[in-house]
Amino acid sequence: MNTLAYLIPIALLLGSLSLAAFLWALKSGQYEDLDGASWRVLDDGDGKPDRH
């Protein structure tokens, strides 16, 4: 029972930290461009247009 006195505040602290990090990510625009990452994987980075 004494262990719960330590574990419950630690769990609440970690939960609130993760919620704060998630809200910061939403506010800073981390989820704005969901399709951009998938297109950047296919880009080879040489700056030339693809020829098909």
PDB file of N, CA and C in Angstrom:
ATOM      1  N   MET A   1       0.817  -1.195   0.000  1.00  0.00           N
ATOM      2  CA  MET A   1       0.000   0.000   0.000  1.00  0.00           C
ATOM      3  C   MET A   1       0.866   1.265   0.000  1.00  0.00           C
ATOM      4  N   ASN A   2       2.005   1.174   0.629  1.00  0.00           N
ATOM      5  CA  ASN A   2       2.901   2.315   0.674  1.00  0.00           C
ATOM      6  C   ASN A   2       3.464   2.631  -0.713  1.00  0.00           C
ATOM      7  N   THR A   3       3.599   1.608  -1.538  1.00  0.00           N
ATOM      8  CA  THR A   3       4.131   1.794  -2.890  1.00  0.00           C
ATOM      9  C   THR A   3       3.169   2.605  -3.748  1.00  0.00           C
ATOM     10  N   LEU A   4       1.867   2.434  -3.525  1.00  0.00           N
ATOM     11  CA  LEU A   4       0.889   3.194  -4.300  1.00  0.00           C
ATOM     12  C   LEU A   4       0.992   4.691  -4.039  1.00  0.00           C
ATOM     13  N   ALA A   5       1.449   5.067  -2.877  1.00  0.00           N
ATOM     14  CA  ALA A   5       1.619   6.490  -2.564  1.00  0.00           C
ATOM     15  C   ALA A   5       2.689   7.116  -3.452  1.00  0.00           C
ATOM     16  N   TYR A   6       3.596   6.323  -3.964  1.00  0.00           N
ATOM     17  CA  TYR A   6       4.625   6.822  -4.888  1.00  0.00           C
ATOM     18  C   TYR A   6       4.205   6.651  -6.345  1.00  0.00           C
ATOM     19  N   LEU A   7       3.576   5.529  -6.652  1.00  0.00           N
ATOM     20  CA  LEU A   7       3.266   5.224  -8.050  1.00  0.00           C
ATOM     21  C   LEU A   7       2.140   6.079  -8.624  1.00  0.00           C
ATOM     22  N   ILE A   8       1.135   6.388  -7.838  1.00  0.00           N
ATOM     23  CA  ILE A   8       0.016   7.177  -8.354  1.00  0.00           C
ATOM     24  C   ILE A   8       0.449   8.597  -8.728  1.00  0.00           C
ATOM     25  N   PRO A   9       1.181   9.327  -7.891  1.00  0.00           N
ATOM     26  CA  PRO A   9       1.641  10.656  -8.342  1.00  0.00           C
ATOM     27  C   PRO A   9       2.598  10.600  -9.530  1.00  0.00           C
ATOM     28  N   ILE A  10       3.436   9.577  -9.592  1.00  0.00           N
ATOM     29  CA  ILE A  10       4.338   9.439 -10.739  1.00  0.00           C
ATOM     30  C   ILE A  10       3.545   9.198 -12.013  1.00  0.00           C
ATOM     31  N   ALA A  11       2.520   8.352 -11.938  1.00  0.00           N
ATOM     32  CA  ALA A  11       1.687   8.085 -13.108  1.00  0.00           C
ATOM     33  C   ALA A  11       0.936   9.339 -13.537  1.00  0.00           C
ATOM     34  N   LEU A  12       0.422  10.103 -12.588  1.00  0.00           N
ATOM     35  CA  LEU A  12      -0.264  11.348 -12.933  1.00  0.00           C
ATOM     36  C   LEU A  12       0.688  12.364 -13.538  1.00  0.00           C
ATOM     37  N   LEU A  13       1.890  12.436 -13.034  1.00  0.00           N
ATOM     38  CA  LEU A  13       2.885  13.355 -13.575  1.00  0.00           C
ATOM     39  C   LEU A  13       3.263  12.977 -15.008  1.00  0.00           C
ATOM     40  N   LEU A  14       3.522  11.696 -15.240  1.00  0.00           N
ATOM     41  CA  LEU A  14       3.879  11.254 -16.589  1.00  0.00           C
ATOM     42  C   LEU A  14       2.718  11.437 -17.562  1.00  0.00           C
ATOM     43  N   GLY A  15       1.508  11.192 -17.108  1.00  0.00           N
ATOM     44  CA  GLY A  15       0.338  11.396 -17.958  1.00  0.00           C
ATOM     45  C   GLY A  15       0.146  12.854 -18.321  1.00  0.00           C
ATOM     46  N   SER A  16       0.336  13.739 -17.358  1.00  0.00           N
ATOM     47  CA  SER A  16       0.182  15.155 -17.651  1.00  0.00           C
ATOM     48  C   SER A  16       1.307  15.676 -18.545  1.00  0.00           C
ATOM     49  N   LEU A  17       2.516  15.136 -18.380  1.00  0.00           N
ATOM     50  CA  LEU A  17       3.615  15.519 -19.273  1.00  0.00           C
ATOM     51  C   LEU A  17       3.347  15.078 -20.708  1.00  0.00           C
ATOM     52  N   SER A  18       2.837  13.868 -20.866  1.00  0.00           N
ATOM     53  CA  SER A  18       2.550  13.392 -22.222  1.00  0.00           C
ATOM     54  C   SER A  18       1.398  14.174 -22.844  1.00  0.00           C
ATOM     55  N   LEU A  19       0.403  14.541 -22.059  1.00  0.00           N
ATOM     56  CA  LEU A  19      -0.692  15.361 -22.578  1.00  0.00           C
ATOM     57  C   LEU A  19      -0.187  16.740 -22.976  1.00  0.00           C
ATOM     58  N   ALA A  20       0.689  17.318 -22.173  1.00  0.00           N
ATOM     59  CA  ALA A  20       1.251  18.626 -22.508  1.00  0.00           C
ATOM     60  C   ALA A  20       2.092  18.547 -23.783  1.00  0.00           C
ATOM     61  N   ALA A  21       2.857  17.471 -23.954  1.00  0.00           N
ATOM     62  CA  ALA A  21       3.660  17.318 -25.167  1.00  0.00           C
ATOM     63  C   ALA A  21       2.765  17.144 -26.395  1.00  0.00           C
ATOM     64  N   PHE A  22       1.687  16.416 -26.260  1.00  0.00           N
ATOM     65  CA  PHE A  22       0.756  16.228 -27.372  1.00  0.00           C
ATOM     66  C   PHE A  22       0.078  17.538 -27.738  1.00  0.00           C
ATOM     67  N   LEU A  23      -0.355  18.302 -26.748  1.00  0.00           N
ATOM     68  CA  LEU A  23      -0.993  19.581 -27.031  1.00  0.00           C
ATOM     69  C   LEU A  23      -0.014  20.565 -27.646  1.00  0.00           C
ATOM     70  N   TRP A  24       1.251  20.532 -27.213  1.00  0.00           N
ATOM     71  CA  TRP A  24       2.273  21.381 -27.825  1.00  0.00           C
ATOM     72  C   TRP A  24       2.464  21.006 -29.291  1.00  0.00           C
ATOM     73  N   ALA A  25       2.477  19.701 -29.584  1.00  0.00           N
ATOM     74  CA  ALA A  25       2.649  19.257 -30.963  1.00  0.00           C
ATOM     75  C   ALA A  25       1.474  19.698 -31.830  1.00  0.00           C
ATOM     76  N   LEU A  26       0.274  19.647 -31.289  1.00  0.00           N
ATOM     77  CA  LEU A  26      -0.880  20.132 -32.042  1.00  0.00           C
ATOM     78  C   LEU A  26      -0.786  21.626 -32.294  1.00  0.00           C
ATOM     79  N   LYS A  27      -0.388  22.371 -31.280  1.00  0.00           N
ATOM     80  CA  LYS A  27      -0.332  23.826 -31.386  1.00  0.00           C
ATOM     81  C   LYS A  27       0.782  24.288 -32.322  1.00  0.00           C
ATOM     82  N   SER A  28       1.884  23.557 -32.371  1.00  0.00           N
ATOM     83  CA  SER A  28       3.011  23.978 -33.206  1.00  0.00           C
ATOM     84  C   SER A  28       2.902  23.495 -34.645  1.00  0.00           C
ATOM     85  N   GLY A  29       1.837  22.775 -34.987  1.00  0.00           N
ATOM     86  CA  GLY A  29       1.605  22.398 -36.376  1.00  0.00           C
ATOM     87  C   GLY A  29       2.294  21.121 -36.808  1.00  0.00           C
ATOM     88  N   GLN A  30       2.583  20.220 -35.910  1.00  0.00           N
ATOM     89  CA  GLN A  30       3.252  18.979 -36.264  1.00  0.00           C
ATOM     90  C   GLN A  30       2.366  18.069 -37.116  1.00  0.00           C
ATOM     91  N   TYR A  31       1.056  18.229 -37.035  1.00  0.00           N
ATOM     92  CA  TYR A  31       0.138  17.358 -37.760  1.00  0.00           C
ATOM     93  C   TYR A  31      -0.518  18.068 -38.937  1.00  0.00           C
ATOM     94  N   GLU A  32       0.049  19.174 -39.394  1.00  0.00           N
ATOM     95  CA  GLU A  32      -0.536  19.935 -40.490  1.00  0.00           C
ATOM     96  C   GLU A  32      -0.369  19.228 -41.836  1.00  0.00           C
ATOM     97  N   ASP A  33       0.824  18.741 -42.138  1.00  0.00           N
ATOM     98  CA  ASP A  33       1.135  18.185 -43.455  1.00  0.00           C
ATOM     99  C   ASP A  33       1.333  16.678 -43.333  1.00  0.00           C
ATOM    100  N   LEU A  34       0.239  15.939 -43.374  1.00  0.00           N
ATOM    101  CA  LEU A  34       0.326  14.489 -43.213  1.00  0.00           C
ATOM    102  C   LEU A  34       0.783  13.791 -44.489  1.00  0.00           C
ATOM    103  N   ASP A  35       0.521  14.386 -45.649  1.00  0.00           N
ATOM    104  CA  ASP A  35       0.904  13.756 -46.913  1.00  0.00           C
ATOM    105  C   ASP A  35       2.315  14.122 -47.340  1.00  0.00           C
ATOM    106  N   GLY A  36       2.878  15.172 -46.802  1.00  0.00           N
ATOM    107  CA  GLY A  36       4.194  15.631 -47.232  1.00  0.00           C
ATOM    108  C   GLY A  36       5.295  14.638 -46.942  1.00  0.00           C
ATOM    109  N   ALA A  37       5.242  13.973 -45.806  1.00  0.00           N
ATOM    110  CA  ALA A  37       6.291  13.021 -45.451  1.00  0.00           C
ATOM    111  C   ALA A  37       6.304  11.838 -46.407  1.00  0.00           C
ATOM    112  N   SER A  38       5.144  11.397 -46.829  1.00  0.00           N
ATOM    113  CA  SER A  38       5.106  10.259 -47.750  1.00  0.00           C
ATOM    114  C   SER A  38       5.670  10.637 -49.122  1.00  0.00           C
ATOM    115  N   TRP A  39       5.502  11.888 -49.546  1.00  0.00           N
ATOM    116  CA  TRP A  39       6.075  12.316 -50.824  1.00  0.00           C
ATOM    117  C   TRP A  39       7.564  12.587 -50.708  1.00  0.00           C
ATOM    118  N   ARG A  40       8.019  13.055 -49.551  1.00  0.00           N
ATOM    119  CA  ARG A  40       9.455  13.316 -49.378  1.00  0.00           C
ATOM    120  C   ARG A  40      10.262  12.024 -49.352  1.00  0.00           C
ATOM    121  N   VAL A  41       9.664  10.921 -48.994  1.00  0.00           N
ATOM    122  CA  VAL A  41      10.364   9.638 -49.028  1.00  0.00           C
ATOM    123  C   VAL A  41      10.709   9.266 -50.463  1.00  0.00           C
ATOM    124  N   LEU A  42       9.831   9.591 -51.382  1.00  0.00           N
ATOM    125  CA  LEU A  42      10.040   9.229 -52.784  1.00  0.00           C
ATOM    126  C   LEU A  42      10.975  10.187 -53.511  1.00  0.00           C
ATOM    127  N   ASP A  43      11.240  11.361 -52.951  1.00  0.00           N
ATOM    128  CA  ASP A  43      12.097  12.357 -53.586  1.00  0.00           C
ATOM    129  C   ASP A  43      13.563  11.962 -53.408  1.00  0.00           C
ATOM    130  N   ASP A  44      14.324  11.951 -54.513  1.00  0.00           N
ATOM    131  CA  ASP A  44      15.732  11.576 -54.403  1.00  0.00           C
ATOM    132  C   ASP A  44      16.623  12.765 -54.068  1.00  0.00           C
ATOM    133  N   GLY A  45      16.099  13.986 -54.116  1.00  0.00           N
ATOM    134  CA  GLY A  45      16.825  15.147 -53.645  1.00  0.00           C
ATOM    135  C   GLY A  45      17.784  15.784 -54.624  1.00  0.00           C
ATOM    136  N   ASP A  46      17.757  15.394 -55.897  1.00  0.00           N
ATOM    137  CA  ASP A  46      18.698  15.997 -56.841  1.00  0.00           C
ATOM    138  C   ASP A  46      18.148  17.270 -57.478  1.00  0.00           C
ATOM    139  N   GLY A  47      16.883  17.585 -57.277  1.00  0.00           N
ATOM    140  CA  GLY A  47      16.305  18.822 -57.796  1.00  0.00           C
ATOM    141  C   GLY A  47      15.812  18.730 -59.224  1.00  0.00           C
ATOM    142  N   LYS A  48      16.037  17.619 -59.898  1.00  0.00           N
ATOM    143  CA  LYS A  48      15.575  17.445 -61.285  1.00  0.00           C
ATOM    144  C   LYS A  48      14.190  16.819 -61.282  1.00  0.00           C
ATOM    145  N   PRO A  49      13.353  17.209 -62.223  1.00  0.00           N
ATOM    146  CA  PRO A  49      12.028  16.576 -62.319  1.00  0.00           C
ATOM    147  C   PRO A  49      12.150  15.127 -62.803  1.00  0.00           C
ATOM    148  N   ASP A  50      11.208  14.321 -62.381  1.00  0.00           N
ATOM    149  CA  ASP A  50      11.210  12.904 -62.783  1.00  0.00           C
ATOM    150  C   ASP A  50      10.786  12.774 -64.241  1.00  0.00           C
ATOM    151  N   ARG A  51      11.408  11.846 -64.967  1.00  0.00           N
ATOM    152  CA  ARG A  51      11.027  11.550 -66.331  1.00  0.00           C
ATOM    153  C   ARG A  51      10.474  10.124 -66.364  1.00  0.00           C
ATOM    154  N   HIS A  52       9.264  10.029 -66.871  1.00  0.00           N
ATOM    155  CA  HIS A  52       8.640   8.691 -66.926  1.00  0.00           C
ATOM    156  C   HIS A  52       8.614   8.171 -68.304  1.00  0.00           C
TER     157      HIS A  52
END
